[in-house]
């Protein structure tokens, strides 16, 4: 596995990561690696949306979800 050192992490980001790790009862390193893996999976949002399969039986489509997000975004 690759190693990675991070520099210049804002104090509030570090504190949020520490809190998240504690709340999830995970070592900080494991928690951060899990979050980085999540980010890596959605770096290309178009690929993510194209591969998204809506839950079955909800009646909610991707277009419905996009419209809801746009509605909230535009209201703020």
C-alpha atoms as a PDB file:
ATOM      1  CA  UNK A   1       0.000   0.000   0.000  1.00  0.00           C
ATOM      2  CA  UNK A   2       1.081   3.530  -0.696  1.00  0.00           C
ATOM      3  CA  UNK A   3       2.011   5.957   2.052  1.00  0.00           C
ATOM      4  CA  UNK A   4       0.811   9.513   2.191  1.00  0.00           C
ATOM      5  CA  UNK A   5       1.710  12.484   4.387  1.00  0.00           C
ATOM      6  CA  UNK A   6      -0.624  15.442   4.518  1.00  0.00           C
ATOM      7  CA  UNK A   7       0.563  18.954   5.260  1.00  0.00           C
ATOM      8  CA  UNK A   8      -1.443  22.100   5.748  1.00  0.00           C
ATOM      9  CA  UNK A   9      -4.590  20.399   7.051  1.00  0.00           C
ATOM     10  CA  UNK A  10      -6.716  23.150   8.618  1.00  0.00           C
ATOM     11  CA  UNK A  11      -7.265  22.702  12.352  1.00  0.00           C
ATOM     12  CA  UNK A  12     -11.040  22.509  11.942  1.00  0.00           C
ATOM     13  CA  UNK A  13     -10.723  19.752   9.312  1.00  0.00           C
ATOM     14  CA  UNK A  14      -8.376  17.786  11.548  1.00  0.00           C
ATOM     15  CA  UNK A  15     -10.725  18.220  14.521  1.00  0.00           C
ATOM     16  CA  UNK A  16     -13.710  17.035  12.464  1.00  0.00           C
ATOM     17  CA  UNK A  17     -11.783  13.951  11.334  1.00  0.00           C
ATOM     18  CA  UNK A  18     -10.717  13.145  14.883  1.00  0.00           C
ATOM     19  CA  UNK A  19     -14.294  13.544  16.085  1.00  0.00           C
ATOM     20  CA  UNK A  20     -15.602  11.359  13.263  1.00  0.00           C
ATOM     21  CA  UNK A  21     -13.062   8.660  14.032  1.00  0.00           C
ATOM     22  CA  UNK A  22     -13.925   8.720  17.726  1.00  0.00           C
ATOM     23  CA  UNK A  23     -17.675   8.616  17.085  1.00  0.00           C
ATOM     24  CA  UNK A  24     -17.222   5.653  14.752  1.00  0.00           C
ATOM     25  CA  UNK A  25     -14.764   3.966  17.121  1.00  0.00           C
ATOM     26  CA  UNK A  26     -12.138   3.791  14.388  1.00  0.00           C
ATOM     27  CA  UNK A  27      -8.457   4.699  14.443  1.00  0.00           C
ATOM     28  CA  UNK A  28      -7.914   8.084  12.843  1.00  0.00           C
ATOM     29  CA  UNK A  29      -5.817   6.625  10.020  1.00  0.00           C
ATOM     30  CA  UNK A  30      -8.458   4.004   9.167  1.00  0.00           C
ATOM     31  CA  UNK A  31     -11.231   6.615   9.271  1.00  0.00           C
ATOM     32  CA  UNK A  32      -9.322   8.994   6.971  1.00  0.00           C
ATOM     33  CA  UNK A  33      -8.437   6.202   4.522  1.00  0.00           C
ATOM     34  CA  UNK A  34     -12.127   5.204   4.385  1.00  0.00           C
ATOM     35  CA  UNK A  35     -13.139   8.809   3.649  1.00  0.00           C
ATOM     36  CA  UNK A  36     -10.447   9.098   0.963  1.00  0.00           C
ATOM     37  CA  UNK A  37     -11.700   5.869  -0.627  1.00  0.00           C
ATOM     38  CA  UNK A  38     -15.211   7.354  -0.757  1.00  0.00           C
ATOM     39  CA  UNK A  39     -13.880  10.483  -2.454  1.00  0.00           C
ATOM     40  CA  UNK A  40     -11.863   8.432  -4.924  1.00  0.00           C
ATOM     41  CA  UNK A  41     -15.018   6.577  -5.913  1.00  0.00           C
ATOM     42  CA  UNK A  42     -16.806   9.781  -6.883  1.00  0.00           C
ATOM     43  CA  UNK A  43     -13.984  11.916  -8.255  1.00  0.00           C
ATOM     44  CA  UNK A  44     -15.648  11.773 -11.630  1.00  0.00           C
ATOM     45  CA  UNK A  45     -19.255  12.592 -10.799  1.00  0.00           C
ATOM     46  CA  UNK A  46     -20.470  11.843 -14.331  1.00  0.00           C
ATOM     47  CA  UNK A  47     -19.185   8.271 -14.010  1.00  0.00           C
ATOM     48  CA  UNK A  48     -20.848   7.986 -10.613  1.00  0.00           C
ATOM     49  CA  UNK A  49     -24.210   9.229 -11.870  1.00  0.00           C
ATOM     50  CA  UNK A  50     -24.003   7.004 -14.957  1.00  0.00           C
ATOM     51  CA  UNK A  51     -23.345   3.957 -12.763  1.00  0.00           C
ATOM     52  CA  UNK A  52     -25.981   4.809 -10.142  1.00  0.00           C
ATOM     53  CA  UNK A  53     -28.824   2.338  -9.806  1.00  0.00           C
ATOM     54  CA  UNK A  54     -31.849   3.802  -8.014  1.00  0.00           C
ATOM     55  CA  UNK A  55     -33.322   1.747  -5.178  1.00  0.00           C
ATOM     56  CA  UNK A  56     -36.056  -0.583  -6.363  1.00  0.00           C
ATOM     57  CA  UNK A  57     -39.664   0.167  -5.534  1.00  0.00           C
ATOM     58  CA  UNK A  58     -39.276   3.767  -4.398  1.00  0.00           C
ATOM     59  CA  UNK A  59     -40.587   5.411  -7.538  1.00  0.00           C
ATOM     60  CA  UNK A  60     -37.733   7.923  -7.287  1.00  0.00           C
ATOM     61  CA  UNK A  61     -35.724   8.296 -10.480  1.00  0.00           C
ATOM     62  CA  UNK A  62     -32.313   9.860 -10.973  1.00  0.00           C
ATOM     63  CA  UNK A  63     -34.081  12.769 -12.680  1.00  0.00           C
ATOM     64  CA  UNK A  64     -36.283  13.201  -9.584  1.00  0.00           C
ATOM     65  CA  UNK A  65     -33.213  13.259  -7.354  1.00  0.00           C
ATOM     66  CA  UNK A  66     -31.404  15.733  -9.598  1.00  0.00           C
ATOM     67  CA  UNK A  67     -34.441  18.009  -9.621  1.00  0.00           C
ATOM     68  CA  UNK A  68     -34.677  17.876  -5.814  1.00  0.00           C
ATOM     69  CA  UNK A  69     -30.995  18.744  -5.402  1.00  0.00           C
ATOM     70  CA  UNK A  70     -31.295  21.619  -7.865  1.00  0.00           C
ATOM     71  CA  UNK A  71     -34.386  22.920  -6.075  1.00  0.00           C
ATOM     72  CA  UNK A  72     -32.591  23.006  -2.712  1.00  0.00           C
ATOM     73  CA  UNK A  73     -29.408  24.438  -4.252  1.00  0.00           C
ATOM     74  CA  UNK A  74     -31.308  27.186  -6.060  1.00  0.00           C
ATOM     75  CA  UNK A  75     -33.247  28.099  -2.900  1.00  0.00           C
ATOM     76  CA  UNK A  76     -30.058  28.742  -0.923  1.00  0.00           C
END
